[in-house]
Amino acid sequence: MNAATKFHAITLGRLAIDKVNQALGTELDPGDVWLSPGAHRHIAVDHPDDYPFIMAVIADVVAQPLYVGQDPKHGRNFYIVRPLPAGAPNPHALVSIGLARDEVGRYRVRTAYTISQDTVTARRSAKRLHVVI
């Protein structure tokens, strides 16, 4: 990718709201998840090794997460996690999404990258990541 690469906005589909509310004890309203051009660029530039793997499954992660969690240091966001196909830098995809919807009712992706099984295990042990089948 070069400096002239254009990153487009993408509507990723409906958030799995029941799973998020179940895991976090929230009462979020239904809404689409949106990847802005800026967030899209951030994923590509800041996580280049993860980018092709994340972009191949990001809509599936939004629609069908296996885990939902929240980091106490980032209370305005939550994250959803799903296993990746073999060959990715790490075995799981994490998508961080803002809790508040934007002016048109969309939930915005903040970032996305791959995470290790050790990270999943540690966050589950700390009760910051919950299975949502």
C-alpha atoms as a PDB file:
ATOM      1  CA  MET A   1       0.000   0.000   0.000  1.00  0.00           C
ATOM      2  CA  ASN A   2       1.217   3.457  -0.782  1.00  0.00           C
ATOM      3  CA  ALA A   3       0.231   6.897   0.462  1.00  0.00           C
ATOM      4  CA  ALA A   4      -2.279   7.292  -2.384  1.00  0.00           C
ATOM      5  CA  THR A   5      -4.205   4.135  -1.478  1.00  0.00           C
ATOM      6  CA  LYS A   6      -7.882   4.937  -0.934  1.00  0.00           C
ATOM      7  CA  PHE A   7      -9.689   3.190   1.883  1.00  0.00           C
ATOM      8  CA  HIS A   8     -13.435   3.030   1.490  1.00  0.00           C
ATOM      9  CA  ALA A   9     -16.159   2.942   4.106  1.00  0.00           C
ATOM     10  CA  ILE A  10     -17.874  -0.419   4.446  1.00  0.00           C
ATOM     11  CA  THR A  11     -21.187  -1.287   6.081  1.00  0.00           C
ATOM     12  CA  LEU A  12     -20.489  -4.624   7.738  1.00  0.00           C
ATOM     13  CA  GLY A  13     -24.061  -5.621   8.562  1.00  0.00           C
ATOM     14  CA  ARG A  14     -26.126  -5.809  11.716  1.00  0.00           C
ATOM     15  CA  LEU A  15     -24.398  -6.074  15.059  1.00  0.00           C
ATOM     16  CA  ALA A  16     -25.159  -9.316  16.922  1.00  0.00           C
ATOM     17  CA  ILE A  17     -26.905  -7.171  19.529  1.00  0.00           C
ATOM     18  CA  ASP A  18     -28.399 -10.024  21.570  1.00  0.00           C
ATOM     19  CA  LYS A  19     -24.959 -11.530  22.079  1.00  0.00           C
ATOM     20  CA  VAL A  20     -23.387  -8.196  23.018  1.00  0.00           C
ATOM     21  CA  ASN A  21     -26.166  -7.345  25.479  1.00  0.00           C
ATOM     22  CA  GLN A  22     -26.010 -10.844  26.982  1.00  0.00           C
ATOM     23  CA  ALA A  23     -22.248 -10.700  27.529  1.00  0.00           C
ATOM     24  CA  LEU A  24     -21.957  -7.113  28.735  1.00  0.00           C
ATOM     25  CA  GLY A  25     -25.286  -6.655  30.527  1.00  0.00           C
ATOM     26  CA  THR A  26     -26.065  -3.698  28.264  1.00  0.00           C
ATOM     27  CA  GLU A  27     -29.252  -2.670  26.497  1.00  0.00           C
ATOM     28  CA  LEU A  28     -27.795  -1.542  23.198  1.00  0.00           C
ATOM     29  CA  ASP A  29     -30.247  -0.871  20.380  1.00  0.00           C
ATOM     30  CA  PRO A  30     -30.028  -2.707  17.061  1.00  0.00           C
ATOM     31  CA  GLY A  31     -27.861  -1.098  14.422  1.00  0.00           C
ATOM     32  CA  ASP A  32     -25.454  -1.648  11.589  1.00  0.00           C
ATOM     33  CA  VAL A  33     -21.702  -1.698  12.101  1.00  0.00           C
ATOM     34  CA  TRP A  34     -19.720   0.712   9.956  1.00  0.00           C
ATOM     35  CA  LEU A  35     -16.042   0.737   9.054  1.00  0.00           C
ATOM     36  CA  SER A  36     -15.119   4.344   8.228  1.00  0.00           C
ATOM     37  CA  PRO A  37     -12.377   5.187   5.735  1.00  0.00           C
ATOM     38  CA  GLY A  38     -10.182   6.328   8.649  1.00  0.00           C
ATOM     39  CA  ALA A  39     -10.650   3.108  10.638  1.00  0.00           C
ATOM     40  CA  HIS A  40     -10.155   1.081   7.455  1.00  0.00           C
ATOM     41  CA  ARG A  41      -6.863   2.902   6.831  1.00  0.00           C
ATOM     42  CA  HIS A  42      -5.807   2.423  10.474  1.00  0.00           C
ATOM     43  CA  ILE A  43      -6.260  -1.360  10.225  1.00  0.00           C
ATOM     44  CA  ALA A  44      -4.336  -1.508   6.938  1.00  0.00           C
ATOM     45  CA  VAL A  45      -1.465   0.740   8.039  1.00  0.00           C
ATOM     46  CA  ASP A  46      -1.105  -0.150  11.734  1.00  0.00           C
ATOM     47  CA  HIS A  47      -1.827  -3.883  11.377  1.00  0.00           C
ATOM     48  CA  PRO A  48      -0.559  -4.709   7.872  1.00  0.00           C
ATOM     49  CA  ASP A  49       0.189  -8.396   8.573  1.00  0.00           C
ATOM     50  CA  ASP A  50      -3.323  -8.864   9.958  1.00  0.00           C
ATOM     51  CA  TYR A  51      -5.140  -6.757   7.350  1.00  0.00           C
ATOM     52  CA  PRO A  52      -5.912  -9.378   4.663  1.00  0.00           C
ATOM     53  CA  PHE A  53      -7.090 -11.903   7.249  1.00  0.00           C
ATOM     54  CA  ILE A  54      -9.216  -9.365   9.133  1.00  0.00           C
ATOM     55  CA  MET A  55     -10.837  -7.939   6.015  1.00  0.00           C
ATOM     56  CA  ALA A  56     -11.718 -11.430   4.773  1.00  0.00           C
ATOM     57  CA  VAL A  57     -13.802 -12.171   7.894  1.00  0.00           C
ATOM     58  CA  ILE A  58     -14.721  -8.830   9.495  1.00  0.00           C
ATOM     59  CA  ALA A  59     -18.402  -9.024   8.467  1.00  0.00           C
ATOM     60  CA  ASP A  60     -18.610 -12.581   9.858  1.00  0.00           C
ATOM     61  CA  VAL A  61     -17.059 -11.453  13.148  1.00  0.00           C
ATOM     62  CA  VAL A  62     -19.703  -8.708  13.431  1.00  0.00           C
ATOM     63  CA  ALA A  63     -22.586 -11.055  12.605  1.00  0.00           C
ATOM     64  CA  GLN A  64     -21.428 -14.152  14.480  1.00  0.00           C
ATOM     65  CA  PRO A  65     -18.918 -13.507  17.258  1.00  0.00           C
ATOM     66  CA  LEU A  66     -17.840 -16.376  19.473  1.00  0.00           C
ATOM     67  CA  TYR A  67     -16.725 -14.034  22.255  1.00  0.00           C
ATOM     68  CA  VAL A  68     -17.743 -10.566  23.426  1.00  0.00           C
ATOM     69  CA  GLY A  69     -15.788  -8.508  25.938  1.00  0.00           C
ATOM     70  CA  GLN A  70     -14.752  -5.151  27.232  1.00  0.00           C
ATOM     71  CA  ASP A  71     -11.467  -3.836  28.537  1.00  0.00           C
ATOM     72  CA  PRO A  72     -11.837  -1.660  31.640  1.00  0.00           C
ATOM     73  CA  LYS A  73      -9.273   0.761  30.175  1.00  0.00           C
ATOM     74  CA  HIS A  74     -11.476   1.298  27.116  1.00  0.00           C
ATOM     75  CA  GLY A  75     -14.950   1.601  28.624  1.00  0.00           C
ATOM     76  CA  ARG A  76     -16.383   3.447  25.623  1.00  0.00           C
ATOM     77  CA  ASN A  77     -15.742   0.455  23.363  1.00  0.00           C
ATOM     78  CA  PHE A  78     -16.363  -3.277  23.405  1.00  0.00           C
ATOM     79  CA  TYR A  79     -14.789  -6.001  21.356  1.00  0.00           C
ATOM     80  CA  ILE A  80     -16.005  -9.065  19.554  1.00  0.00           C
ATOM     81  CA  VAL A  81     -13.818 -12.040  18.706  1.00  0.00           C
ATOM     82  CA  ARG A  82     -14.083 -14.991  16.351  1.00  0.00           C
ATOM     83  CA  PRO A  83     -11.612 -17.676  15.261  1.00  0.00           C
ATOM     84  CA  LEU A  84      -9.795 -17.130  11.968  1.00  0.00           C
ATOM     85  CA  PRO A  85      -9.107 -19.692   9.248  1.00  0.00           C
ATOM     86  CA  ALA A  86      -5.720 -21.405   9.390  1.00  0.00           C
ATOM     87  CA  GLY A  87      -2.757 -19.400   8.146  1.00  0.00           C
ATOM     88  CA  ALA A  88      -3.481 -16.121   9.936  1.00  0.00           C
ATOM     89  CA  PRO A  89      -0.776 -14.505  12.124  1.00  0.00           C
ATOM     90  CA  ASN A  90      -2.870 -15.400  15.193  1.00  0.00           C
ATOM     91  CA  PRO A  91      -5.853 -17.729  15.512  1.00  0.00           C
ATOM     92  CA  HIS A  92      -8.496 -15.109  16.415  1.00  0.00           C
ATOM     93  CA  ALA A  93      -9.835 -11.862  14.939  1.00  0.00           C
ATOM     94  CA  LEU A  94     -10.732  -9.035  17.346  1.00  0.00           C
ATOM     95  CA  VAL A  95     -12.939  -6.140  16.238  1.00  0.00           C
ATOM     96  CA  SER A  96     -13.271  -3.179  18.611  1.00  0.00           C
ATOM     97  CA  ILE A  97     -16.533  -1.223  18.294  1.00  0.00           C
ATOM     98  CA  GLY A  98     -17.758   1.954  19.962  1.00  0.00           C
ATOM     99  CA  LEU A  99     -20.642   1.566  22.421  1.00  0.00           C
ATOM    100  CA  ALA A 100     -22.357   4.763  21.291  1.00  0.00           C
ATOM    101  CA  ARG A 101     -24.046   4.884  17.908  1.00  0.00           C
ATOM    102  CA  ASP A 102     -23.183   7.729  15.550  1.00  0.00           C
ATOM    103  CA  GLU A 103     -25.551  10.430  14.309  1.00  0.00           C
ATOM    104  CA  VAL A 104     -27.163   8.033  11.821  1.00  0.00           C
ATOM    105  CA  GLY A 105     -27.476   5.107  14.221  1.00  0.00           C
ATOM    106  CA  ARG A 106     -24.431   3.033  13.258  1.00  0.00           C
ATOM    107  CA  TYR A 107     -21.917   1.393  15.551  1.00  0.00           C
ATOM    108  CA  ARG A 108     -18.407   2.336  14.429  1.00  0.00           C
ATOM    109  CA  VAL A 109     -15.428   0.032  14.239  1.00  0.00           C
ATOM    110  CA  ARG A 110     -12.478   1.517  16.111  1.00  0.00           C
ATOM    111  CA  THR A 111      -9.837  -1.060  15.168  1.00  0.00           C
ATOM    112  CA  ALA A 112      -9.379  -4.713  14.267  1.00  0.00           C
ATOM    113  CA  TYR A 113      -6.432  -7.080  14.504  1.00  0.00           C
ATOM    114  CA  THR A 114      -5.549 -10.683  15.259  1.00  0.00           C
ATOM    115  CA  ILE A 115      -4.969 -12.002  18.777  1.00  0.00           C
ATOM    116  CA  SER A 116      -3.373 -15.144  20.153  1.00  0.00           C
ATOM    117  CA  GLN A 117      -5.021 -18.040  21.957  1.00  0.00           C
ATOM    118  CA  ASP A 118      -3.063 -16.962  25.069  1.00  0.00           C
ATOM    119  CA  THR A 119      -4.734 -13.524  24.893  1.00  0.00           C
ATOM    120  CA  VAL A 120      -8.178 -15.116  24.561  1.00  0.00           C
ATOM    121  CA  THR A 121      -7.456 -17.431  27.495  1.00  0.00           C
ATOM    122  CA  ALA A 122      -6.129 -14.594  29.678  1.00  0.00           C
ATOM    123  CA  ARG A 123      -9.116 -12.338  28.952  1.00  0.00           C
ATOM    124  CA  ARG A 124     -11.551 -15.179  29.616  1.00  0.00           C
ATOM    125  CA  SER A 125      -9.786 -15.926  32.935  1.00  0.00           C
ATOM    126  CA  ALA A 126     -10.031 -12.246  33.869  1.00  0.00           C
ATOM    127  CA  LYS A 127     -13.764 -12.328  32.956  1.00  0.00           C
ATOM    128  CA  ARG A 128     -13.221  -9.657  30.303  1.00  0.00           C
ATOM    129  CA  LEU A 129     -14.179 -11.975  27.437  1.00  0.00           C
ATOM    130  CA  HIS A 130     -17.354 -14.100  27.434  1.00  0.00           C
ATOM    131  CA  VAL A 131     -18.465 -16.982  25.217  1.00  0.00           C
ATOM    132  CA  VAL A 132     -21.704 -16.070  23.393  1.00  0.00           C
ATOM    133  CA  ILE A 133     -22.910 -19.097  21.460  1.00  0.00           C
END
